[in-house]
Amino acid sequence: MMSVDPMYQYSLKFFKMIYQRALTNAGPPASGKRNERKLFFIKEFTKLLYENICRSLFEKDKLLFSMLMCLMIMGEEEGRLDQKEVRFMMTGGTSVDMPKPNPTGEGGWMTDKIWASIL
C-alpha cells in the first residue's frame, strides 16, 4: 500500500481558491477579446498553481514538480514534445534484445545496458 505524506494532501478548497484568484486577475469579460482573456487566464492559473504548490513542497521535491509540470505543458498542452522521447527519458532503455553485440566486449568499459540504450 502506498502512503502519501500528509503534507501533500491538498484540498478542493485550496484548488478553488487558486482558480478564483486567477479568474479575478483575468478581469471582467470583454466582448471580442474572449480568446485573449482565456489565454491570460490559463497563464495566470498555471503561475498561481505553480507558486502556491511550490511554496508548500519540500525542497527536495520542487525540481521534480517543476519538471513534471513543464513536461505536461510542453507535451500534452502544446504538443512540442515527442512522447516516445519523454518515456525514454523517464524510464531509460528497456530493450532486452541486442541486435549488435557490445563493441567493448564482456566486462568492457561500456555495460550491456548502456549499449542497449544507445541502440
C-alpha atoms as a PDB file:
ATOM      1  CA  MET A   1       0.000   0.000   0.000  1.00  0.00           C
ATOM      2  CA  MET A   2       1.272   3.448  -0.925  1.00  0.00           C
ATOM      3  CA  SER A   3       1.370   6.146   1.715  1.00  0.00           C
ATOM      4  CA  VAL A   4       1.009   9.823   0.836  1.00  0.00           C
ATOM      5  CA  ASP A   5       2.774  12.293   3.064  1.00  0.00           C
ATOM      6  CA  PRO A   6       0.091  14.312   4.921  1.00  0.00           C
ATOM      7  CA  MET A   7       1.804  17.494   3.781  1.00  0.00           C
ATOM      8  CA  TYR A   8       0.795  16.665   0.197  1.00  0.00           C
ATOM      9  CA  GLN A   9      -2.920  16.130   0.749  1.00  0.00           C
ATOM     10  CA  TYR A  10      -4.344  19.239  -0.913  1.00  0.00           C
ATOM     11  CA  SER A  11      -7.984  20.079  -0.541  1.00  0.00           C
ATOM     12  CA  LEU A  12     -10.531  21.115  -3.113  1.00  0.00           C
ATOM     13  CA  LYS A  13     -10.941  24.370  -1.197  1.00  0.00           C
ATOM     14  CA  PHE A  14      -7.261  25.219  -1.814  1.00  0.00           C
ATOM     15  CA  PHE A  15      -7.604  24.492  -5.541  1.00  0.00           C
ATOM     16  CA  LYS A  16     -10.829  26.516  -5.824  1.00  0.00           C
ATOM     17  CA  MET A  17      -9.157  29.475  -4.101  1.00  0.00           C
ATOM     18  CA  ILE A  18      -6.369  29.480  -6.717  1.00  0.00           C
ATOM     19  CA  TYR A  19      -8.902  29.122  -9.553  1.00  0.00           C
ATOM     20  CA  GLN A  20     -10.994  32.030  -8.236  1.00  0.00           C
ATOM     21  CA  ARG A  21      -7.925  34.246  -7.849  1.00  0.00           C
ATOM     22  CA  ALA A  22      -6.905  33.527 -11.461  1.00  0.00           C
ATOM     23  CA  LEU A  23     -10.423  34.409 -12.652  1.00  0.00           C
ATOM     24  CA  THR A  24     -10.312  37.664 -10.701  1.00  0.00           C
ATOM     25  CA  ASN A  25      -6.893  38.564 -12.127  1.00  0.00           C
ATOM     26  CA  ALA A  26      -8.135  37.874 -15.674  1.00  0.00           C
ATOM     27  CA  GLY A  27     -10.573  40.759 -15.285  1.00  0.00           C
ATOM     28  CA  PRO A  28     -14.149  41.214 -16.460  1.00  0.00           C
ATOM     29  CA  PRO A  29     -15.220  39.574 -19.720  1.00  0.00           C
ATOM     30  CA  ALA A  30     -14.782  41.881 -22.680  1.00  0.00           C
ATOM     31  CA  SER A  31     -16.570  41.382 -25.969  1.00  0.00           C
ATOM     32  CA  GLY A  32     -14.281  40.456 -28.856  1.00  0.00           C
ATOM     33  CA  LYS A  33     -11.340  39.637 -26.567  1.00  0.00           C
ATOM     34  CA  ARG A  34     -12.574  36.301 -25.258  1.00  0.00           C
ATOM     35  CA  ASN A  35      -9.659  34.257 -26.633  1.00  0.00           C
ATOM     36  CA  GLU A  36      -7.122  36.763 -25.298  1.00  0.00           C
ATOM     37  CA  ARG A  37      -8.720  36.626 -21.830  1.00  0.00           C
ATOM     38  CA  LYS A  38      -8.779  32.814 -21.945  1.00  0.00           C
ATOM     39  CA  LEU A  39      -5.055  32.643 -22.733  1.00  0.00           C
ATOM     40  CA  PHE A  40      -4.310  35.134 -19.951  1.00  0.00           C
ATOM     41  CA  PHE A  41      -6.398  33.062 -17.518  1.00  0.00           C
ATOM     42  CA  ILE A  42      -4.521  29.854 -18.424  1.00  0.00           C
ATOM     43  CA  LYS A  43      -1.148  31.546 -17.899  1.00  0.00           C
ATOM     44  CA  GLU A  44      -2.271  33.193 -14.661  1.00  0.00           C
ATOM     45  CA  PHE A  45      -3.787  29.992 -13.284  1.00  0.00           C
ATOM     46  CA  THR A  46      -0.667  27.985 -14.148  1.00  0.00           C
ATOM     47  CA  LYS A  47       1.561  30.593 -12.481  1.00  0.00           C
ATOM     48  CA  LEU A  48      -0.564  30.771  -9.330  1.00  0.00           C
ATOM     49  CA  LEU A  49      -0.843  26.990  -9.098  1.00  0.00           C
ATOM     50  CA  TYR A  50       2.919  26.578  -9.500  1.00  0.00           C
ATOM     51  CA  GLU A  51       3.766  29.278  -6.941  1.00  0.00           C
ATOM     52  CA  ASN A  52       1.305  28.043  -4.328  1.00  0.00           C
ATOM     53  CA  ILE A  53       2.224  24.388  -4.643  1.00  0.00           C
ATOM     54  CA  CYS A  54       5.972  25.104  -4.634  1.00  0.00           C
ATOM     55  CA  ARG A  55       5.520  27.173  -1.506  1.00  0.00           C
ATOM     56  CA  SER A  56       4.318  24.084   0.342  1.00  0.00           C
ATOM     57  CA  LEU A  57       6.618  21.427  -1.180  1.00  0.00           C
ATOM     58  CA  PHE A  58       9.692  20.031   0.475  1.00  0.00           C
ATOM     59  CA  GLU A  59      12.820  21.470  -1.138  1.00  0.00           C
ATOM     60  CA  LYS A  60      13.838  18.046  -2.453  1.00  0.00           C
ATOM     61  CA  ASP A  61      10.556  17.725  -4.396  1.00  0.00           C
ATOM     62  CA  LYS A  62      10.434  21.152  -6.071  1.00  0.00           C
ATOM     63  CA  LEU A  63      12.662  20.275  -9.027  1.00  0.00           C
ATOM     64  CA  LEU A  64      10.686  17.115  -9.775  1.00  0.00           C
ATOM     65  CA  PHE A  65       7.383  19.018  -9.620  1.00  0.00           C
ATOM     66  CA  SER A  66       8.772  21.729 -11.919  1.00  0.00           C
ATOM     67  CA  MET A  67       9.950  19.163 -14.441  1.00  0.00           C
ATOM     68  CA  LEU A  68       6.637  17.272 -14.418  1.00  0.00           C
ATOM     69  CA  MET A  69       4.666  20.480 -14.848  1.00  0.00           C
ATOM     70  CA  CYS A  70       6.935  21.541 -17.720  1.00  0.00           C
ATOM     71  CA  LEU A  71       6.529  18.146 -19.410  1.00  0.00           C
ATOM     72  CA  MET A  72       2.750  18.382 -19.084  1.00  0.00           C
ATOM     73  CA  ILE A  73       2.613  21.889 -20.562  1.00  0.00           C
ATOM     74  CA  MET A  74       5.084  21.289 -23.389  1.00  0.00           C
ATOM     75  CA  GLY A  75       3.926  17.769 -24.196  1.00  0.00           C
ATOM     76  CA  GLU A  76       0.207  17.481 -23.717  1.00  0.00           C
ATOM     77  CA  GLU A  77      -0.886  21.113 -23.993  1.00  0.00           C
ATOM     78  CA  GLU A  78       1.430  22.471 -26.664  1.00  0.00           C
ATOM     79  CA  GLY A  79       2.402  19.247 -28.446  1.00  0.00           C
ATOM     80  CA  ARG A  80       6.070  20.252 -28.599  1.00  0.00           C
ATOM     81  CA  LEU A  81       7.473  17.004 -27.147  1.00  0.00           C
ATOM     82  CA  ASP A  82       7.653  13.547 -28.642  1.00  0.00           C
ATOM     83  CA  GLN A  83       6.012  11.197 -26.117  1.00  0.00           C
ATOM     84  CA  LYS A  84       8.384   8.356 -27.041  1.00  0.00           C
ATOM     85  CA  GLU A  85      11.398  10.514 -26.165  1.00  0.00           C
ATOM     86  CA  VAL A  86       9.812  11.611 -22.866  1.00  0.00           C
ATOM     87  CA  ARG A  87       9.037   7.990 -21.960  1.00  0.00           C
ATOM     88  CA  PHE A  88      12.640   7.030 -22.773  1.00  0.00           C
ATOM     89  CA  MET A  89      13.952   9.877 -20.624  1.00  0.00           C
ATOM     90  CA  MET A  90      11.741   8.813 -17.708  1.00  0.00           C
ATOM     91  CA  THR A  91      12.327   5.045 -17.887  1.00  0.00           C
ATOM     92  CA  GLY A  92      15.607   4.602 -19.715  1.00  0.00           C
ATOM     93  CA  GLY A  93      16.293   1.898 -22.226  1.00  0.00           C
ATOM     94  CA  THR A  94      14.047  -1.106 -21.820  1.00  0.00           C
ATOM     95  CA  SER A  95      15.319  -3.099 -24.771  1.00  0.00           C
ATOM     96  CA  VAL A  96      16.054  -6.707 -23.926  1.00  0.00           C
ATOM     97  CA  ASP A  97      17.110  -7.571 -27.444  1.00  0.00           C
ATOM     98  CA  MET A  98      20.581  -6.521 -28.635  1.00  0.00           C
ATOM     99  CA  PRO A  99      20.828  -6.862 -32.430  1.00  0.00           C
ATOM    100  CA  LYS A 100      24.535  -5.993 -32.326  1.00  0.00           C
ATOM    101  CA  PRO A 101      26.961  -7.203 -29.633  1.00  0.00           C
ATOM    102  CA  ASN A 102      28.589  -4.783 -27.193  1.00  0.00           C
ATOM    103  CA  PRO A 103      31.675  -3.415 -29.051  1.00  0.00           C
ATOM    104  CA  THR A 104      33.704  -3.168 -25.823  1.00  0.00           C
ATOM    105  CA  GLY A 105      33.304  -6.883 -25.159  1.00  0.00           C
ATOM    106  CA  GLU A 106      32.369  -8.724 -21.997  1.00  0.00           C
ATOM    107  CA  GLY A 107      33.393  -6.682 -18.943  1.00  0.00           C
ATOM    108  CA  GLY A 108      34.463  -3.692 -21.079  1.00  0.00           C
ATOM    109  CA  TRP A 109      34.109  -0.037 -20.164  1.00  0.00           C
ATOM    110  CA  MET A 110      30.541   0.103 -21.514  1.00  0.00           C
ATOM    111  CA  THR A 111      27.885  -2.067 -19.898  1.00  0.00           C
ATOM    112  CA  ASP A 112      25.348  -4.015 -21.940  1.00  0.00           C
ATOM    113  CA  LYS A 113      22.549  -1.807 -20.575  1.00  0.00           C
ATOM    114  CA  ILE A 114      24.226   1.364 -21.850  1.00  0.00           C
ATOM    115  CA  TRP A 115      24.883  -0.277 -25.228  1.00  0.00           C
ATOM    116  CA  ALA A 116      21.203  -1.343 -25.467  1.00  0.00           C
ATOM    117  CA  SER A 117      20.173   2.263 -24.708  1.00  0.00           C
ATOM    118  CA  ILE A 118      22.420   3.553 -27.484  1.00  0.00           C
ATOM    119  CA  LEU A 119      20.911   1.082 -29.929  1.00  0.00           C
END
